[in-house]
Amino acid sequence: MKILLALRPGKLLLKTNLLDDLAKDSLSRTPFTQLANLTGTPAMSVPMHVTPEGLPQGVMLGAAFGQEGLLLQLARQLEEAHPWQPRLDALWERLG
């Protein structure tokens, strides 16, 4: 451990740009998830569709700080208008 600490891996990682590359790669795939996590604002992913290939697709929704209840109300309304469970059951039957 002393050897590792003496090498100062943090400075080494900064010089190699490895952390920058990892962050850019992650942000390019999930930019909104990262934003919600970093800002502490509520967010949720809601399943909305199944592709012809059987892959689920969703949408990410966000709200102002402290508005978790608003997101939960929206999720309930979406589920009532377009239930996900029957589509999920059909997906499992196709896969199983």
N, C-alpha and C. Protein backbone atom coordinates (compact mmCIF):
# COMPACT_ATOMS: atom_id res chain seq x y z
N MET A 1 0.81 -1.18 0.00
CA MET A 1 0.00 0.00 0.00
C MET A 1 0.86 1.25 0.00
N LYS A 2 1.97 1.21 0.74
CA LYS A 2 2.86 2.37 0.78
C LYS A 2 3.42 2.67 -0.60
N ILE A 3 3.75 1.62 -1.33
CA ILE A 3 4.29 1.80 -2.69
C ILE A 3 3.23 2.42 -3.58
N LEU A 4 2.01 1.92 -3.49
CA LEU A 4 0.93 2.45 -4.30
C LEU A 4 0.69 3.93 -3.99
N LEU A 5 0.65 4.27 -2.73
CA LEU A 5 0.45 5.67 -2.34
C LEU A 5 1.62 6.55 -2.78
N ALA A 6 2.81 6.00 -2.75
CA ALA A 6 3.98 6.77 -3.17
C ALA A 6 3.93 7.07 -4.67
N LEU A 7 3.30 6.21 -5.43
CA LEU A 7 3.20 6.43 -6.88
C LEU A 7 2.21 7.53 -7.23
N ARG A 8 1.40 7.93 -6.29
CA ARG A 8 0.38 8.96 -6.51
C ARG A 8 -0.45 8.65 -7.76
N PRO A 9 -1.26 7.60 -7.68
CA PRO A 9 -2.02 7.18 -8.87
C PRO A 9 -2.98 8.25 -9.38
N GLY A 10 -3.48 9.10 -8.50
CA GLY A 10 -4.39 10.16 -8.94
C GLY A 10 -3.74 11.07 -9.96
N LYS A 11 -2.53 11.51 -9.68
CA LYS A 11 -1.83 12.39 -10.61
C LYS A 11 -1.49 11.66 -11.90
N LEU A 12 -1.14 10.38 -11.78
CA LEU A 12 -0.84 9.58 -12.96
C LEU A 12 -2.07 9.45 -13.85
N LEU A 13 -3.21 9.17 -13.23
CA LEU A 13 -4.45 9.06 -14.00
C LEU A 13 -4.80 10.37 -14.68
N LEU A 14 -4.60 11.48 -14.01
CA LEU A 14 -4.88 12.78 -14.62
C LEU A 14 -3.99 13.03 -15.84
N LYS A 15 -2.74 12.64 -15.75
CA LYS A 15 -1.81 12.86 -16.87
C LYS A 15 -2.14 11.98 -18.07
N THR A 16 -2.71 10.81 -17.84
CA THR A 16 -3.01 9.90 -18.96
C THR A 16 -4.33 10.22 -19.64
N ASN A 17 -5.14 11.11 -19.06
CA ASN A 17 -6.47 11.44 -19.58
C ASN A 17 -7.44 10.26 -19.52
N LEU A 18 -7.09 9.21 -18.81
CA LEU A 18 -7.95 8.04 -18.70
C LEU A 18 -9.29 8.40 -18.06
N LEU A 19 -9.27 9.20 -17.00
CA LEU A 19 -10.52 9.58 -16.34
C LEU A 19 -11.39 10.44 -17.26
N ASP A 20 -10.78 11.34 -18.01
CA ASP A 20 -11.54 12.16 -18.95
C ASP A 20 -12.20 11.29 -20.01
N ASP A 21 -11.46 10.32 -20.52
CA ASP A 21 -12.00 9.42 -21.54
C ASP A 21 -13.15 8.59 -20.99
N LEU A 22 -13.01 8.09 -19.75
CA LEU A 22 -14.08 7.31 -19.13
C LEU A 22 -15.33 8.17 -18.92
N ALA A 23 -15.13 9.40 -18.46
CA ALA A 23 -16.27 10.29 -18.24
C ALA A 23 -16.97 10.62 -19.55
N LYS A 24 -16.22 10.93 -20.58
CA LYS A 24 -16.82 11.25 -21.88
C LYS A 24 -17.58 10.07 -22.44
N ASP A 25 -17.02 8.87 -22.30
CA ASP A 25 -17.67 7.67 -22.79
C ASP A 25 -18.99 7.43 -22.06
N SER A 26 -18.96 7.58 -20.74
CA SER A 26 -20.16 7.38 -19.95
C SER A 26 -21.21 8.43 -20.25
N LEU A 27 -20.79 9.69 -20.34
CA LEU A 27 -21.73 10.77 -20.61
C LEU A 27 -22.32 10.68 -22.01
N SER A 28 -21.60 10.12 -22.95
CA SER A 28 -22.13 10.01 -24.31
C SER A 28 -23.27 9.00 -24.38
N ARG A 29 -23.27 8.02 -23.50
CA ARG A 29 -24.32 6.99 -23.51
C ARG A 29 -25.48 7.32 -22.59
N THR A 30 -25.21 7.97 -21.48
CA THR A 30 -26.27 8.24 -20.50
C THR A 30 -26.13 9.65 -19.93
N PRO A 31 -26.24 10.66 -20.77
CA PRO A 31 -25.99 12.02 -20.29
C PRO A 31 -27.00 12.50 -19.25
N PHE A 32 -28.25 12.13 -19.40
CA PHE A 32 -29.27 12.66 -18.50
C PHE A 32 -29.25 11.97 -17.14
N THR A 33 -28.89 10.70 -17.12
CA THR A 33 -28.75 10.00 -15.85
C THR A 33 -27.67 10.65 -15.03
N GLN A 34 -26.54 10.94 -15.65
CA GLN A 34 -25.43 11.57 -14.95
C GLN A 34 -25.84 12.94 -14.42
N LEU A 35 -26.57 13.70 -15.22
CA LEU A 35 -26.99 15.04 -14.82
C LEU A 35 -27.88 14.98 -13.58
N ALA A 36 -28.83 14.07 -13.58
CA ALA A 36 -29.72 13.93 -12.42
C ALA A 36 -28.93 13.51 -11.18
N ASN A 37 -28.01 12.58 -11.36
CA ASN A 37 -27.20 12.13 -10.22
C ASN A 37 -26.34 13.25 -9.65
N LEU A 38 -25.72 14.02 -10.52
CA LEU A 38 -24.82 15.08 -10.06
C LEU A 38 -25.54 16.25 -9.42
N THR A 39 -26.75 16.55 -9.89
CA THR A 39 -27.48 17.70 -9.37
C THR A 39 -28.41 17.33 -8.22
N GLY A 40 -28.67 16.05 -8.02
CA GLY A 40 -29.56 15.61 -6.95
C GLY A 40 -31.03 15.82 -7.25
N THR A 41 -31.36 16.06 -8.52
CA THR A 41 -32.76 16.24 -8.88
C THR A 41 -33.41 14.87 -9.12
N PRO A 42 -34.70 14.75 -8.86
CA PRO A 42 -35.37 13.47 -9.05
C PRO A 42 -35.53 13.15 -10.54
N ALA A 43 -35.39 11.89 -10.85
CA ALA A 43 -35.56 11.42 -12.22
C ALA A 43 -35.98 9.97 -12.18
N MET A 44 -36.61 9.52 -13.25
CA MET A 44 -37.01 8.12 -13.34
C MET A 44 -37.04 7.70 -14.80
N SER A 45 -36.86 6.43 -15.00
CA SER A 45 -36.97 5.84 -16.33
C SER A 45 -38.25 5.04 -16.36
N VAL A 46 -39.06 5.27 -17.39
CA VAL A 46 -40.36 4.63 -17.49
C VAL A 46 -40.41 3.81 -18.78
N PRO A 47 -40.74 2.51 -18.69
CA PRO A 47 -40.86 1.72 -19.92
C PRO A 47 -42.06 2.19 -20.73
N MET A 48 -41.86 2.36 -22.03
CA MET A 48 -42.93 2.91 -22.86
C MET A 48 -43.24 2.08 -24.11
N HIS A 49 -42.30 1.24 -24.53
CA HIS A 49 -42.48 0.60 -25.83
C HIS A 49 -41.63 -0.67 -25.88
N VAL A 50 -42.00 -1.57 -26.76
CA VAL A 50 -41.18 -2.74 -27.07
C VAL A 50 -40.93 -2.72 -28.57
N THR A 51 -39.68 -2.81 -28.97
CA THR A 51 -39.33 -2.78 -30.39
C THR A 51 -39.80 -4.06 -31.07
N PRO A 52 -39.85 -4.08 -32.40
CA PRO A 52 -40.20 -5.32 -33.11
C PRO A 52 -39.27 -6.49 -32.77
N GLU A 53 -38.05 -6.16 -32.36
CA GLU A 53 -37.09 -7.19 -31.97
C GLU A 53 -37.31 -7.66 -30.54
N GLY A 54 -38.26 -7.04 -29.84
CA GLY A 54 -38.56 -7.44 -28.47
C GLY A 54 -37.77 -6.71 -27.40
N LEU A 55 -37.08 -5.65 -27.78
CA LEU A 55 -36.29 -4.91 -26.79
C LEU A 55 -37.13 -3.81 -26.16
N PRO A 56 -37.09 -3.69 -24.84
CA PRO A 56 -37.85 -2.61 -24.20
C PRO A 56 -37.19 -1.26 -24.43
N GLN A 57 -38.01 -0.25 -24.61
CA GLN A 57 -37.52 1.11 -24.73
C GLN A 57 -38.24 1.96 -23.69
N GLY A 58 -37.51 2.89 -23.13
CA GLY A 58 -38.10 3.75 -22.12
C GLY A 58 -37.78 5.19 -22.36
N VAL A 59 -38.31 6.02 -21.49
CA VAL A 59 -38.04 7.44 -21.53
C VAL A 59 -37.63 7.85 -20.12
N MET A 60 -36.68 8.76 -20.06
CA MET A 60 -36.26 9.27 -18.76
C MET A 60 -36.93 10.60 -18.52
N LEU A 61 -37.52 10.73 -17.34
CA LEU A 61 -38.22 11.94 -16.97
C LEU A 61 -37.54 12.57 -15.76
N GLY A 62 -37.49 13.87 -15.73
CA GLY A 62 -36.89 14.56 -14.61
C GLY A 62 -37.81 15.65 -14.10
N ALA A 63 -37.60 16.06 -12.87
CA ALA A 63 -38.42 17.10 -12.27
C ALA A 63 -37.51 18.02 -11.45
N ALA A 64 -38.10 19.08 -10.99
CA ALA A 64 -37.36 20.03 -10.15
C ALA A 64 -37.02 19.40 -8.80
N PHE A 65 -36.03 19.93 -8.15
CA PHE A 65 -35.60 19.44 -6.85
C PHE A 65 -36.80 19.36 -5.90
N GLY A 66 -36.96 18.22 -5.26
CA GLY A 66 -38.04 18.03 -4.30
C GLY A 66 -39.38 17.64 -4.89
N GLN A 67 -39.43 17.41 -6.20
CA GLN A 67 -40.70 17.10 -6.86
C GLN A 67 -40.85 15.62 -7.21
N GLU A 68 -40.38 14.74 -6.33
CA GLU A 68 -40.50 13.31 -6.56
C GLU A 68 -41.96 12.90 -6.73
N GLY A 69 -42.84 13.52 -5.94
CA GLY A 69 -44.26 13.20 -6.01
C GLY A 69 -44.84 13.45 -7.39
N LEU A 70 -44.40 14.50 -8.03
CA LEU A 70 -44.86 14.81 -9.38
C LEU A 70 -44.47 13.69 -10.35
N LEU A 71 -43.26 13.20 -10.23
CA LEU A 71 -42.82 12.11 -11.09
C LEU A 71 -43.62 10.84 -10.83
N LEU A 72 -43.88 10.54 -9.58
CA LEU A 72 -44.65 9.35 -9.25
C LEU A 72 -46.09 9.45 -9.76
N GLN A 73 -46.67 10.63 -9.69
CA GLN A 73 -48.02 10.84 -10.24
C GLN A 73 -48.02 10.61 -11.75
N LEU A 74 -47.00 11.13 -12.42
CA LEU A 74 -46.89 10.95 -13.86
C LEU A 74 -46.72 9.48 -14.22
N ALA A 75 -45.88 8.78 -13.48
CA ALA A 75 -45.68 7.36 -13.74
C ALA A 75 -46.98 6.59 -13.58
N ARG A 76 -47.75 6.93 -12.56
CA ARG A 76 -49.04 6.27 -12.35
C ARG A 76 -49.99 6.54 -13.52
N GLN A 77 -50.05 7.78 -13.96
CA GLN A 77 -50.92 8.13 -15.08
C GLN A 77 -50.51 7.41 -16.35
N LEU A 78 -49.21 7.33 -16.60
CA LEU A 78 -48.73 6.62 -17.79
C LEU A 78 -49.05 5.13 -17.71
N GLU A 79 -48.89 4.54 -16.55
CA GLU A 79 -49.18 3.12 -16.38
C GLU A 79 -50.67 2.84 -16.56
N GLU A 80 -51.52 3.72 -16.05
CA GLU A 80 -52.96 3.55 -16.22
C GLU A 80 -53.37 3.70 -17.68
N ALA A 81 -52.76 4.64 -18.39
CA ALA A 81 -53.11 4.89 -19.79
C ALA A 81 -52.56 3.82 -20.72
N HIS A 82 -51.42 3.27 -20.36
CA HIS A 82 -50.75 2.32 -21.26
C HIS A 82 -50.00 1.30 -20.41
N PRO A 83 -50.71 0.32 -19.85
CA PRO A 83 -50.09 -0.63 -18.91
C PRO A 83 -48.87 -1.34 -19.49
N TRP A 84 -47.85 -1.42 -18.67
CA TRP A 84 -46.61 -2.05 -19.09
C TRP A 84 -46.62 -3.57 -18.87
N GLN A 85 -47.28 -4.05 -17.84
CA GLN A 85 -47.21 -5.46 -17.48
C GLN A 85 -47.63 -6.40 -18.60
N PRO A 86 -48.74 -6.16 -19.33
CA PRO A 86 -49.07 -7.07 -20.43
C PRO A 86 -47.99 -7.14 -21.51
N ARG A 87 -47.36 -6.00 -21.77
CA ARG A 87 -46.28 -6.00 -22.77
C ARG A 87 -45.07 -6.75 -22.25
N LEU A 88 -44.81 -6.62 -20.96
CA LEU A 88 -43.70 -7.35 -20.36
C LEU A 88 -43.96 -8.85 -20.37
N ASP A 89 -45.18 -9.24 -20.05
CA ASP A 89 -45.54 -10.66 -20.10
C ASP A 89 -45.37 -11.23 -21.50
N ALA A 90 -45.81 -10.48 -22.51
CA ALA A 90 -45.66 -10.93 -23.90
C ALA A 90 -44.18 -11.04 -24.28
N LEU A 91 -43.37 -10.12 -23.80
CA LEU A 91 -41.94 -10.17 -24.07
C LEU A 91 -41.33 -11.43 -23.47
N TRP A 92 -41.68 -11.74 -22.22
CA TRP A 92 -41.14 -12.94 -21.56
C TRP A 92 -41.59 -14.21 -22.28
N GLU A 93 -42.82 -14.22 -22.78
CA GLU A 93 -43.31 -15.40 -23.52
C GLU A 93 -42.51 -15.60 -24.80
N ARG A 94 -42.21 -14.51 -25.49
CA ARG A 94 -41.43 -14.60 -26.72
C ARG A 94 -40.01 -15.06 -26.45
N LEU A 95 -39.45 -14.64 -25.32
CA LEU A 95 -38.08 -15.01 -24.99
C LEU A 95 -37.97 -16.40 -24.39
N GLY A 96 -39.05 -16.83 -23.74
CA GLY A 96 -38.96 -18.01 -22.95
C GLY A 96 -39.23 -19.30 -23.56
